[in-house]
Amino acid sequence: LGSLSGLTGLYLYANSLSGTLPPEMGNMISLTHLSLSNNAFTGTMPPSVVNLKKLKYVYVNNNDFLGTVDHFCNSSDFERFYADCAMNDSLEKSKVECSCCTACCDENGYCV
């Protein structure tokens, strides 16, 4: 992924992908669209995503990320940013923290 610096869109929606995201993802500096929703990604968002300053559309909801996704918040203004930051009935707090999301999704995939 790190050598794809000219890529503008990465669409991996609903592909049964799992594991953590590599730090080299931050080298994809031309990305404007990032869709990772509905997979089984785990762990935390790599801090290197702070380099993705052209992002306008980010969908990282319906995964198993933990911690903060605020590394993305240093990007330009988002048109859409969806993450699992809604409070869940079965959890005492949300799965991820996001101060700049345009929609927060819960464990059932409902986003507001």
PDB file of N, CA and C in Angstrom:
ATOM      1  N   LEU A   1       0.810  -1.212   0.000  1.00  0.00           N
ATOM      2  CA  LEU A   1       0.000   0.000   0.000  1.00  0.00           C
ATOM      3  C   LEU A   1       0.847   1.268   0.000  1.00  0.00           C
ATOM      4  N   GLY A   2       1.984   1.208   0.621  1.00  0.00           N
ATOM      5  CA  GLY A   2       2.813   2.395   0.768  1.00  0.00           C
ATOM      6  C   GLY A   2       3.327   2.976  -0.527  1.00  0.00           C
ATOM      7  N   SER A   3       3.391   2.174  -1.574  1.00  0.00           N
ATOM      8  CA  SER A   3       3.903   2.675  -2.850  1.00  0.00           C
ATOM      9  C   SER A   3       2.806   3.245  -3.741  1.00  0.00           C
ATOM     10  N   LEU A   4       1.583   3.294  -3.256  1.00  0.00           N
ATOM     11  CA  LEU A   4       0.450   3.788  -4.048  1.00  0.00           C
ATOM     12  C   LEU A   4       0.142   5.251  -3.731  1.00  0.00           C
ATOM     13  N   SER A   5       1.136   6.094  -3.781  1.00  0.00           N
ATOM     14  CA  SER A   5       0.961   7.493  -3.382  1.00  0.00           C
ATOM     15  C   SER A   5       0.055   8.275  -4.322  1.00  0.00           C
ATOM     16  N   GLY A   6      -0.171   7.811  -5.539  1.00  0.00           N
ATOM     17  CA  GLY A   6      -1.044   8.508  -6.483  1.00  0.00           C
ATOM     18  C   GLY A   6      -2.483   8.016  -6.464  1.00  0.00           C
ATOM     19  N   LEU A   7      -2.773   6.999  -5.667  1.00  0.00           N
ATOM     20  CA  LEU A   7      -4.126   6.434  -5.602  1.00  0.00           C
ATOM     21  C   LEU A   7      -5.079   7.430  -4.951  1.00  0.00           C
ATOM     22  N   THR A   8      -6.237   7.669  -5.563  1.00  0.00           N
ATOM     23  CA  THR A   8      -7.194   8.622  -5.001  1.00  0.00           C
ATOM     24  C   THR A   8      -8.356   7.940  -4.285  1.00  0.00           C
ATOM     25  N   GLY A   9      -8.633   6.683  -4.585  1.00  0.00           N
ATOM     26  CA  GLY A   9      -9.722   5.982  -3.928  1.00  0.00           C
ATOM     27  C   GLY A   9      -9.341   4.567  -3.574  1.00  0.00           C
ATOM     28  N   LEU A  10      -9.626   4.158  -2.334  1.00  0.00           N
ATOM     29  CA  LEU A  10      -9.393   2.791  -1.880  1.00  0.00           C
ATOM     30  C   LEU A  10     -10.716   2.278  -1.342  1.00  0.00           C
ATOM     31  N   TYR A  11     -11.315   1.343  -2.064  1.00  0.00           N
ATOM     32  CA  TYR A  11     -12.643   0.821  -1.742  1.00  0.00           C
ATOM     33  C   TYR A  11     -12.531  -0.653  -1.392  1.00  0.00           C
ATOM     34  N   LEU A  12     -12.503  -0.960  -0.112  1.00  0.00           N
ATOM     35  CA  LEU A  12     -12.392  -2.330   0.360  1.00  0.00           C
ATOM     36  C   LEU A  12     -13.631  -2.742   1.155  1.00  0.00           C
ATOM     37  N   TYR A  13     -14.745  -2.109   0.901  1.00  0.00           N
ATOM     38  CA  TYR A  13     -16.009  -2.318   1.600  1.00  0.00           C
ATOM     39  C   TYR A  13     -16.445  -3.781   1.507  1.00  0.00           C
ATOM     40  N   ALA A  14     -16.795  -4.365   2.649  1.00  0.00           N
ATOM     41  CA  ALA A  14     -17.424  -5.690   2.740  1.00  0.00           C
ATOM     42  C   ALA A  14     -16.655  -6.774   1.984  1.00  0.00           C
ATOM     43  N   ASN A  15     -15.389  -6.938   2.334  1.00  0.00           N
ATOM     44  CA  ASN A  15     -14.560  -7.967   1.697  1.00  0.00           C
ATOM     45  C   ASN A  15     -14.056  -9.019   2.679  1.00  0.00           C
ATOM     46  N   SER A  16     -14.620  -9.063   3.872  1.00  0.00           N
ATOM     47  CA  SER A  16     -14.207 -10.028   4.902  1.00  0.00           C
ATOM     48  C   SER A  16     -12.722  -9.915   5.224  1.00  0.00           C
ATOM     49  N   LEU A  17     -12.189  -8.709   5.174  1.00  0.00           N
ATOM     50  CA  LEU A  17     -10.783  -8.475   5.494  1.00  0.00           C
ATOM     51  C   LEU A  17     -10.603  -8.356   7.000  1.00  0.00           C
ATOM     52  N   SER A  18      -9.457  -8.794   7.490  1.00  0.00           N
ATOM     53  CA  SER A  18      -9.193  -8.729   8.929  1.00  0.00           C
ATOM     54  C   SER A  18      -7.741  -8.338   9.159  1.00  0.00           C
ATOM     55  N   GLY A  19      -7.409  -8.138  10.419  1.00  0.00           N
ATOM     56  CA  GLY A  19      -6.057  -7.746  10.786  1.00  0.00           C
ATOM     57  C   GLY A  19      -5.969  -6.263  11.040  1.00  0.00           C
ATOM     58  N   THR A  20      -4.766  -5.793  11.207  1.00  0.00           N
ATOM     59  CA  THR A  20      -4.532  -4.376  11.479  1.00  0.00           C
ATOM     60  C   THR A  20      -4.140  -3.657  10.197  1.00  0.00           C
ATOM     61  N   LEU A  21      -4.295  -2.351  10.212  1.00  0.00           N
ATOM     62  CA  LEU A  21      -3.880  -1.547   9.060  1.00  0.00           C
ATOM     63  C   LEU A  21      -2.395  -1.234   9.162  1.00  0.00           C
ATOM     64  N   PRO A  22      -1.677  -1.317   8.063  1.00  0.00           N
ATOM     65  CA  PRO A  22      -0.233  -1.066   8.109  1.00  0.00           C
ATOM     66  C   PRO A  22       0.078   0.424   8.215  1.00  0.00           C
ATOM     67  N   PRO A  23       1.169   0.782   8.875  1.00  0.00           N
ATOM     68  CA  PRO A  23       1.549   2.187   8.979  1.00  0.00           C
ATOM     69  C   PRO A  23       1.838   2.818   7.618  1.00  0.00           C
ATOM     70  N   GLU A  24       2.201   1.993   6.623  1.00  0.00           N
ATOM     71  CA  GLU A  24       2.483   2.501   5.285  1.00  0.00           C
ATOM     72  C   GLU A  24       1.253   3.119   4.620  1.00  0.00           C
ATOM     73  N   MET A  25       0.107   2.896   5.195  1.00  0.00           N
ATOM     74  CA  MET A  25      -1.110   3.495   4.668  1.00  0.00           C
ATOM     75  C   MET A  25      -0.999   5.014   4.616  1.00  0.00           C
ATOM     76  N   GLY A  26      -0.239   5.586   5.512  1.00  0.00           N
ATOM     77  CA  GLY A  26      -0.037   7.024   5.550  1.00  0.00           C
ATOM     78  C   GLY A  26       0.723   7.569   4.355  1.00  0.00           C
ATOM     79  N   ASN A  27       1.301   6.689   3.544  1.00  0.00           N
ATOM     80  CA  ASN A  27       2.017   7.118   2.337  1.00  0.00           C
ATOM     81  C   ASN A  27       1.082   7.353   1.154  1.00  0.00           C
ATOM     82  N   MET A  28      -0.187   7.008   1.295  1.00  0.00           N
ATOM     83  CA  MET A  28      -1.161   7.146   0.209  1.00  0.00           C
ATOM     84  C   MET A  28      -1.724   8.569   0.225  1.00  0.00           C
ATOM     85  N   ILE A  29      -0.857   9.539   0.004  1.00  0.00           N
ATOM     86  CA  ILE A  29      -1.167  10.946   0.249  1.00  0.00           C
ATOM     87  C   ILE A  29      -2.165  11.561  -0.727  1.00  0.00           C
ATOM     88  N   SER A  30      -2.515  10.874  -1.797  1.00  0.00           N
ATOM     89  CA  SER A  30      -3.490  11.413  -2.752  1.00  0.00           C
ATOM     90  C   SER A  30      -4.911  10.935  -2.483  1.00  0.00           C
ATOM     91  N   LEU A  31      -5.097  10.082  -1.474  1.00  0.00           N
ATOM     92  CA  LEU A  31      -6.421   9.531  -1.200  1.00  0.00           C
ATOM     93  C   LEU A  31      -7.446  10.618  -0.899  1.00  0.00           C
ATOM     94  N   THR A  32      -8.567  10.556  -1.575  1.00  0.00           N
ATOM     95  CA  THR A  32      -9.712  11.400  -1.253  1.00  0.00           C
ATOM     96  C   THR A  32     -10.877  10.558  -0.732  1.00  0.00           C
ATOM     97  N   HIS A  33     -10.898   9.267  -1.070  1.00  0.00           N
ATOM     98  CA  HIS A  33     -11.957   8.342  -0.654  1.00  0.00           C
ATOM     99  C   HIS A  33     -11.322   7.104  -0.016  1.00  0.00           C
ATOM    100  N   LEU A  34     -11.763   6.772   1.194  1.00  0.00           N
ATOM    101  CA  LEU A  34     -11.292   5.581   1.891  1.00  0.00           C
ATOM    102  C   LEU A  34     -12.495   4.843   2.445  1.00  0.00           C
ATOM    103  N   SER A  35     -12.764   3.664   1.926  1.00  0.00           N
ATOM    104  CA  SER A  35     -13.900   2.864   2.376  1.00  0.00           C
ATOM    105  C   SER A  35     -13.412   1.515   2.879  1.00  0.00           C
ATOM    106  N   LEU A  36     -13.415   1.353   4.194  1.00  0.00           N
ATOM    107  CA  LEU A  36     -12.993   0.109   4.832  1.00  0.00           C
ATOM    108  C   LEU A  36     -14.136  -0.538   5.605  1.00  0.00           C
ATOM    109  N   SER A  37     -15.345  -0.047   5.473  1.00  0.00           N
ATOM    110  CA  SER A  37     -16.491  -0.499   6.261  1.00  0.00           C
ATOM    111  C   SER A  37     -16.820  -1.968   6.035  1.00  0.00           C
ATOM    112  N   ASN A  38     -17.491  -2.520   7.034  1.00  0.00           N
ATOM    113  CA  ASN A  38     -18.039  -3.874   6.976  1.00  0.00           C
ATOM    114  C   ASN A  38     -16.990  -4.932   6.692  1.00  0.00           C
ATOM    115  N   ASN A  39     -15.915  -4.870   7.449  1.00  0.00           N
ATOM    116  CA  ASN A  39     -14.874  -5.885   7.430  1.00  0.00           C
ATOM    117  C   ASN A  39     -14.633  -6.320   8.873  1.00  0.00           C
ATOM    118  N   ALA A  40     -13.494  -6.880   9.157  1.00  0.00           N
ATOM    119  CA  ALA A  40     -13.157  -7.301  10.522  1.00  0.00           C
ATOM    120  C   ALA A  40     -11.780  -6.763  10.911  1.00  0.00           C
ATOM    121  N   PHE A  41     -11.484  -5.520  10.484  1.00  0.00           N
ATOM    122  CA  PHE A  41     -10.221  -4.905  10.862  1.00  0.00           C
ATOM    123  C   PHE A  41     -10.184  -4.698  12.375  1.00  0.00           C
ATOM    124  N   THR A  42      -9.002  -4.845  12.953  1.00  0.00           N
ATOM    125  CA  THR A  42      -8.837  -4.736  14.400  1.00  0.00           C
ATOM    126  C   THR A  42      -7.717  -3.754  14.733  1.00  0.00           C
ATOM    127  N   GLY A  43      -7.539  -3.544  16.020  1.00  0.00           N
ATOM    128  CA  GLY A  43      -6.449  -2.697  16.486  1.00  0.00           C
ATOM    129  C   GLY A  43      -6.779  -1.230  16.401  1.00  0.00           C
ATOM    130  N   THR A  44      -5.742  -0.439  16.439  1.00  0.00           N
ATOM    131  CA  THR A  44      -5.902   1.012  16.395  1.00  0.00           C
ATOM    132  C   THR A  44      -5.543   1.525  15.003  1.00  0.00           C
ATOM    133  N   MET A  45      -5.990   2.716  14.721  1.00  0.00           N
ATOM    134  CA  MET A  45      -5.671   3.364  13.457  1.00  0.00           C
ATOM    135  C   MET A  45      -4.205   3.806  13.495  1.00  0.00           C
ATOM    136  N   PRO A  46      -3.443   3.499  12.459  1.00  0.00           N
ATOM    137  CA  PRO A  46      -2.029   3.914  12.500  1.00  0.00           C
ATOM    138  C   PRO A  46      -1.903   5.442  12.515  1.00  0.00           C
ATOM    139  N   PRO A  47      -1.059   5.989  13.372  1.00  0.00           N
ATOM    140  CA  PRO A  47      -0.895   7.444  13.440  1.00  0.00           C
ATOM    141  C   PRO A  47      -0.474   8.071  12.113  1.00  0.00           C
ATOM    142  N   SER A  48       0.100   7.292  11.223  1.00  0.00           N
ATOM    143  CA  SER A  48       0.563   7.823   9.937  1.00  0.00           C
ATOM    144  C   SER A  48      -0.573   8.324   9.054  1.00  0.00           C
ATOM    145  N   VAL A  49      -1.830   7.987   9.386  1.00  0.00           N
ATOM    146  CA  VAL A  49      -2.936   8.478   8.557  1.00  0.00           C
ATOM    147  C   VAL A  49      -3.083   9.993   8.665  1.00  0.00           C
ATOM    148  N   VAL A  50      -2.364  10.607   9.578  1.00  0.00           N
ATOM    149  CA  VAL A  50      -2.366  12.066   9.674  1.00  0.00           C
ATOM    150  C   VAL A  50      -1.845  12.689   8.372  1.00  0.00           C
ATOM    151  N   ASN A  51      -1.109  11.923   7.589  1.00  0.00           N
ATOM    152  CA  ASN A  51      -0.575  12.415   6.310  1.00  0.00           C
ATOM    153  C   ASN A  51      -1.615  12.460   5.199  1.00  0.00           C
ATOM    154  N   LEU A  52      -2.782  11.890   5.421  1.00  0.00           N
ATOM    155  CA  LEU A  52      -3.807  11.802   4.381  1.00  0.00           C
ATOM    156  C   LEU A  52      -4.684  13.047   4.407  1.00  0.00           C
ATOM    157  N   LYS A  53      -4.128  14.148   4.020  1.00  0.00           N
ATOM    158  CA  LYS A  53      -4.780  15.445   4.159  1.00  0.00           C
ATOM    159  C   LYS A  53      -5.804  15.762   3.076  1.00  0.00           C
ATOM    160  N   LYS A  54      -5.914  14.947   2.039  1.00  0.00           N
ATOM    161  CA  LYS A  54      -6.874  15.195   0.960  1.00  0.00           C
ATOM    162  C   LYS A  54      -8.178  14.426   1.138  1.00  0.00           C
ATOM    163  N   LEU A  55      -8.282  13.636   2.201  1.00  0.00           N
ATOM    164  CA  LEU A  55      -9.475  12.814   2.411  1.00  0.00           C
ATOM    165  C   LEU A  55     -10.732  13.661   2.534  1.00  0.00           C
ATOM    166  N   LYS A  56     -11.755  13.256   1.834  1.00  0.00           N
ATOM    167  CA  LYS A  56     -13.067  13.887   1.924  1.00  0.00           C
ATOM    168  C   LYS A  56     -14.136  12.902   2.406  1.00  0.00           C
ATOM    169  N   TYR A  57     -13.927  11.624   2.071  1.00  0.00           N
ATOM    170  CA  TYR A  57     -14.894  10.573   2.407  1.00  0.00           C
ATOM    171  C   TYR A  57     -14.158   9.435   3.101  1.00  0.00           C
ATOM    172  N   VAL A  58     -14.515   9.171   4.362  1.00  0.00           N
ATOM    173  CA  VAL A  58     -13.890   8.111   5.145  1.00  0.00           C
ATOM    174  C   VAL A  58     -14.991   7.261   5.769  1.00  0.00           C
ATOM    175  N   TYR A  59     -14.921   5.969   5.496  1.00  0.00           N
ATOM    176  CA  TYR A  59     -15.871   5.011   6.072  1.00  0.00           C
ATOM    177  C   TYR A  59     -15.068   3.899   6.730  1.00  0.00           C
ATOM    178  N   VAL A  60     -14.984   3.922   8.041  1.00  0.00           N
ATOM    179  CA  VAL A  60     -14.270   2.890   8.785  1.00  0.00           C
ATOM    180  C   VAL A  60     -15.188   2.191   9.779  1.00  0.00           C
ATOM    181  N   ASN A  61     -16.480   2.369   9.610  1.00  0.00           N
ATOM    182  CA  ASN A  61     -17.468   1.786  10.515  1.00  0.00           C
ATOM    183  C   ASN A  61     -17.662   0.294  10.256  1.00  0.00           C
ATOM    184  N   ASN A  62     -18.292  -0.349  11.235  1.00  0.00           N
ATOM    185  CA  ASN A  62     -18.579  -1.787  11.193  1.00  0.00           C
ATOM    186  C   ASN A  62     -17.309  -2.620  11.046  1.00  0.00           C
ATOM    187  N   ASN A  63     -16.354  -2.302  11.894  1.00  0.00           N
ATOM    188  CA  ASN A  63     -15.117  -3.055  12.048  1.00  0.00           C
ATOM    189  C   ASN A  63     -14.896  -3.254  13.543  1.00  0.00           C
ATOM    190  N   ASP A  64     -13.720  -3.696  13.913  1.00  0.00           N
ATOM    191  CA  ASP A  64     -13.391  -3.887  15.323  1.00  0.00           C
ATOM    192  C   ASP A  64     -12.218  -3.013  15.755  1.00  0.00           C
ATOM    193  N   PHE A  65     -12.152  -1.809  15.176  1.00  0.00           N
ATOM    194  CA  PHE A  65     -11.132  -0.849  15.597  1.00  0.00           C
ATOM    195  C   PHE A  65     -11.398  -0.431  17.032  1.00  0.00           C
ATOM    196  N   LEU A  66     -10.342  -0.075  17.737  1.00  0.00           N
ATOM    197  CA  LEU A  66     -10.441   0.421  19.104  1.00  0.00           C
ATOM    198  C   LEU A  66      -9.632   1.700  19.226  1.00  0.00           C
ATOM    199  N   GLY A  67      -9.914   2.448  20.277  1.00  0.00           N
ATOM    200  CA  GLY A  67      -9.144   3.665  20.529  1.00  0.00           C
ATOM    201  C   GLY A  67      -9.692   4.848  19.761  1.00  0.00           C
ATOM    202  N   THR A  68      -8.803   5.674  19.279  1.00  0.00           N
ATOM    203  CA  THR A  68      -9.215   6.896  18.605  1.00  0.00           C
ATOM    204  C   THR A  68      -8.999   6.800  17.098  1.00  0.00           C
ATOM    205  N   VAL A  69      -9.860   7.469  16.366  1.00  0.00           N
ATOM    206  CA  VAL A  69      -9.652   7.643  14.926  1.00  0.00           C
ATOM    207  C   VAL A  69      -9.399   9.126  14.641  1.00  0.00           C
ATOM    208  N   ASP A  70      -9.081   9.859  15.683  1.00  0.00           N
ATOM    209  CA  ASP A  70      -8.855  11.301  15.558  1.00  0.00           C
ATOM    210  C   ASP A  70      -7.616  11.660  14.751  1.00  0.00           C
ATOM    211  N   HIS A  71      -6.757  10.692  14.453  1.00  0.00           N
ATOM    212  CA  HIS A  71      -5.615  10.979  13.583  1.00  0.00           C
ATOM    213  C   HIS A  71      -6.103  11.548  12.253  1.00  0.00           C
ATOM    214  N   PHE A  72      -7.276  11.111  11.821  1.00  0.00           N
ATOM    215  CA  PHE A  72      -7.853  11.605  10.572  1.00  0.00           C
ATOM    216  C   PHE A  72      -8.299  13.062  10.675  1.00  0.00           C
ATOM    217  N   CYS A  73      -8.534  13.542  11.874  1.00  0.00           N
ATOM    218  CA  CYS A  73      -9.117  14.870  12.067  1.00  0.00           C
ATOM    219  C   CYS A  73      -8.205  16.003  11.614  1.00  0.00           C
ATOM    220  N   ASN A  74      -6.956  15.725  11.366  1.00  0.00           N
ATOM    221  CA  ASN A  74      -6.043  16.747  10.863  1.00  0.00           C
ATOM    222  C   ASN A  74      -6.172  16.942   9.367  1.00  0.00           C
ATOM    223  N   SER A  75      -7.044  16.158   8.749  1.00  0.00           N
ATOM    224  CA  SER A  75      -7.264  16.251   7.306  1.00  0.00           C
ATOM    225  C   SER A  75      -8.112  17.476   7.008  1.00  0.00           C
ATOM    226  N   SER A  76      -8.344  17.718   5.736  1.00  0.00           N
ATOM    227  CA  SER A  76      -9.220  18.825   5.350  1.00  0.00           C
ATOM    228  C   SER A  76     -10.656  18.505   5.767  1.00  0.00           C
ATOM    229  N   ASP A  77     -11.559  19.414   5.526  1.00  0.00           N
ATOM    230  CA  ASP A  77     -12.951  19.213   5.918  1.00  0.00           C
ATOM    231  C   ASP A  77     -13.546  17.997   5.228  1.00  0.00           C
ATOM    232  N   PHE A  78     -14.195  17.163   6.011  1.00  0.00           N
ATOM    233  CA  PHE A  78     -14.798  15.941   5.489  1.00  0.00           C
ATOM    234  C   PHE A  78     -16.187  16.202   4.945  1.00  0.00           C
ATOM    235  N   GLU A  79     -16.508  15.561   3.850  1.00  0.00           N
ATOM    236  CA  GLU A  79     -17.895  15.497   3.383  1.00  0.00           C
ATOM    237  C   GLU A  79     -18.629  14.456   4.220  1.00  0.00           C
ATOM    238  N   ARG A  80     -17.962  13.305   4.394  1.00  0.00           N
ATOM    239  CA  ARG A  80     -18.520  12.216   5.201  1.00  0.00           C
ATOM    240  C   ARG A  80     -17.390  11.502   5.925  1.00  0.00           C
ATOM    241  N   PHE A  81     -17.611  11.218   7.210  1.00  0.00           N
ATOM    242  CA  PHE A  81     -16.671  10.447   8.010  1.00  0.00           C
ATOM    243  C   PHE A  81     -17.494   9.599   8.968  1.00  0.00           C
ATOM    244  N   TYR A  82     -17.565   8.304   8.705  1.00  0.00           N
ATOM    245  CA  TYR A  82     -18.342   7.364   9.501  1.00  0.00           C
ATOM    246  C   TYR A  82     -17.398   6.459  10.288  1.00  0.00           C
ATOM    247  N   ALA A  83     -17.670   6.311  11.589  1.00  0.00           N
ATOM    248  CA  ALA A  83     -16.873   5.421  12.443  1.00  0.00           C
ATOM    249  C   ALA A  83     -17.794   4.840  13.509  1.00  0.00           C
ATOM    250  N   ASP A  84     -17.299   3.835  14.216  1.00  0.00           N
ATOM    251  CA  ASP A  84     -18.066   3.170  15.271  1.00  0.00           C
ATOM    252  C   ASP A  84     -17.938   3.946  16.579  1.00  0.00           C
ATOM    253  N   CYS A  85     -18.422   5.178  16.581  1.00  0.00           N
ATOM    254  CA  CYS A  85     -18.245   6.042  17.751  1.00  0.00           C
ATOM    255  C   CYS A  85     -19.538   6.267  18.530  1.00  0.00           C
ATOM    256  N   ALA A  86     -20.617   5.554  18.183  1.00  0.00           N
ATOM    257  CA  ALA A  86     -21.873   5.685  18.925  1.00  0.00           C
ATOM    258  C   ALA A  86     -21.831   4.781  20.151  1.00  0.00           C
ATOM    259  N   MET A  87     -22.545   5.180  21.182  1.00  0.00           N
ATOM    260  CA  MET A  87     -22.657   4.337  22.369  1.00  0.00           C
ATOM    261  C   MET A  87     -23.440   3.085  21.988  1.00  0.00           C
ATOM    262  N   ASN A  88     -22.997   1.948  22.488  1.00  0.00           N
ATOM    263  CA  ASN A  88     -23.642   0.674  22.205  1.00  0.00           C
ATOM    264  C   ASN A  88     -24.355   0.164  23.442  1.00  0.00           C
ATOM    265  N   ASP A  89     -25.455  -0.548  23.222  1.00  0.00           N
ATOM    266  CA  ASP A  89     -26.220  -1.097  24.346  1.00  0.00           C
ATOM    267  C   ASP A  89     -25.393  -2.084  25.167  1.00  0.00           C
ATOM    268  N   SER A  90     -24.571  -2.878  24.493  1.00  0.00           N
ATOM    269  CA  SER A  90     -23.822  -3.917  25.199  1.00  0.00           C
ATOM    270  C   SER A  90     -22.465  -3.436  25.723  1.00  0.00           C
ATOM    271  N   LEU A  91     -22.072  -2.224  25.394  1.00  0.00           N
ATOM    272  CA  LEU A  91     -20.792  -1.695  25.850  1.00  0.00           C
ATOM    273  C   LEU A  91     -21.011  -0.472  26.717  1.00  0.00           C
ATOM    274  N   GLU A  92     -20.095  -0.233  27.627  1.00  0.00           N
ATOM    275  CA  GLU A  92     -20.209   0.933  28.491  1.00  0.00           C
ATOM    276  C   GLU A  92     -19.791   2.214  27.789  1.00  0.00           C
ATOM    277  N   LYS A  93     -19.038   2.079  26.704  1.00  0.00           N
ATOM    278  CA  LYS A  93     -18.622   3.247  25.941  1.00  0.00           C
ATOM    279  C   LYS A  93     -18.512   2.852  24.473  1.00  0.00           C
ATOM    280  N   SER A  94     -18.301   3.812  23.625  1.00  0.00           N
ATOM    281  CA  SER A  94     -18.181   3.524  22.201  1.00  0.00           C
ATOM    282  C   SER A  94     -16.873   2.782  21.920  1.00  0.00           C
ATOM    283  N   LYS A  95     -16.832   2.078  20.784  1.00  0.00           N
ATOM    284  CA  LYS A  95     -15.631   1.321  20.410  1.00  0.00           C
ATOM    285  C   LYS A  95     -14.474   2.245  20.064  1.00  0.00           C
ATOM    286  N   VAL A  96     -14.777   3.352  19.407  1.00  0.00           N
ATOM    287  CA  VAL A  96     -13.726   4.298  19.033  1.00  0.00           C
ATOM    288  C   VAL A  96     -14.137   5.717  19.427  1.00  0.00           C
ATOM    289  N   GLU A  97     -13.147   6.566  19.555  1.00  0.00           N
ATOM    290  CA  GLU A  97     -13.386   7.982  19.820  1.00  0.00           C
ATOM    291  C   GLU A  97     -13.149   8.749  18.531  1.00  0.00           C
ATOM    292  N   CYS A  98     -14.044   9.700  18.259  1.00  0.00           N
ATOM    293  CA  CYS A  98     -13.903  10.498  17.044  1.00  0.00           C
ATOM    294  C   CYS A  98     -14.509  11.874  17.280  1.00  0.00           C
ATOM    295  N   SER A  99     -13.679  12.891  17.225  1.00  0.00           N
ATOM    296  CA  SER A  99     -14.161  14.250  17.463  1.00  0.00           C
ATOM    297  C   SER A  99     -14.573  14.963  16.178  1.00  0.00           C
ATOM    298  N   CYS A 100     -14.324  14.352  15.023  1.00  0.00           N
ATOM    299  CA  CYS A 100     -14.634  15.035  13.768  1.00  0.00           C
ATOM    300  C   CYS A 100     -15.518  14.213  12.835  1.00  0.00           C
ATOM    301  N   CYS A 101     -16.104  13.141  13.343  1.00  0.00           N
ATOM    302  CA  CYS A 101     -16.955  12.297  12.506  1.00  0.00           C
ATOM    303  C   CYS A 101     -18.247  13.029  12.137  1.00  0.00           C
ATOM    304  N   THR A 102     -18.728  12.764  10.946  1.00  0.00           N
ATOM    305  CA  THR A 102     -20.014  13.315  10.545  1.00  0.00           C
ATOM    306  C   THR A 102     -21.155  12.374  10.918  1.00  0.00           C
ATOM    307  N   ALA A 103     -20.850  11.102  11.183  1.00  0.00           N
ATOM    308  CA  ALA A 103     -21.839  10.133  11.650  1.00  0.00           C
ATOM    309  C   ALA A 103     -21.151   9.109  12.532  1.00  0.00           C
ATOM    310  N   CYS A 104     -21.819   8.758  13.627  1.00  0.00           N
ATOM    311  CA  CYS A 104     -21.323   7.719  14.523  1.00  0.00           C
ATOM    312  C   CYS A 104     -22.248   6.522  14.406  1.00  0.00           C
ATOM    313  N   CYS A 105     -21.664   5.344  14.268  1.00  0.00           N
ATOM    314  CA  CYS A 105     -22.421   4.109  14.063  1.00  0.00           C
ATOM    315  C   CYS A 105     -22.366   3.247  15.319  1.00  0.00           C
ATOM    316  N   ASP A 106     -23.442   2.476  15.537  1.00  0.00           N
ATOM    317  CA  ASP A 106     -23.471   1.579  16.676  1.00  0.00           C
ATOM    318  C   ASP A 106     -23.208   0.148  16.234  1.00  0.00           C
ATOM    319  N   GLU A 107     -23.297  -0.789  17.186  1.00  0.00           N
ATOM    320  CA  GLU A 107     -22.972  -2.192  16.904  1.00  0.00           C
ATOM    321  C   GLU A 107     -23.933  -2.847  15.921  1.00  0.00           C
ATOM    322  N   ASN A 108     -25.084  -2.240  15.707  1.00  0.00           N
ATOM    323  CA  ASN A 108     -26.054  -2.777  14.760  1.00  0.00           C
ATOM    324  C   ASN A 108     -25.916  -2.155  13.364  1.00  0.00           C
ATOM    325  N   GLY A 109     -24.932  -1.288  13.196  1.00  0.00           N
ATOM    326  CA  GLY A 109     -24.715  -0.648  11.904  1.00  0.00           C
ATOM    327  C   GLY A 109     -25.561   0.584  11.679  1.00  0.00           C
ATOM    328  N   TYR A 110     -26.309   1.014  12.698  1.00  0.00           N
ATOM    329  CA  TYR A 110     -27.134   2.203  12.583  1.00  0.00           C
ATOM    330  C   TYR A 110     -26.258   3.443  12.801  1.00  0.00           C
ATOM    331  N   CYS A 111     -26.279   4.354  11.870  1.00  0.00           N
ATOM    332  CA  CYS A 111     -25.415   5.534  11.930  1.00  0.00           C
ATOM    333  C   CYS A 111     -26.237   6.816  12.013  1.00  0.00           C
ATOM    334  N   VAL A 112     -25.856   7.677  12.934  1.00  0.00           N
ATOM    335  CA  VAL A 112     -26.509   8.991  13.078  1.00  0.00           C
ATOM    336  C   VAL A 112     -25.458  10.071  13.205  1.00  0.00           C
TER     337      VAL A 112
END
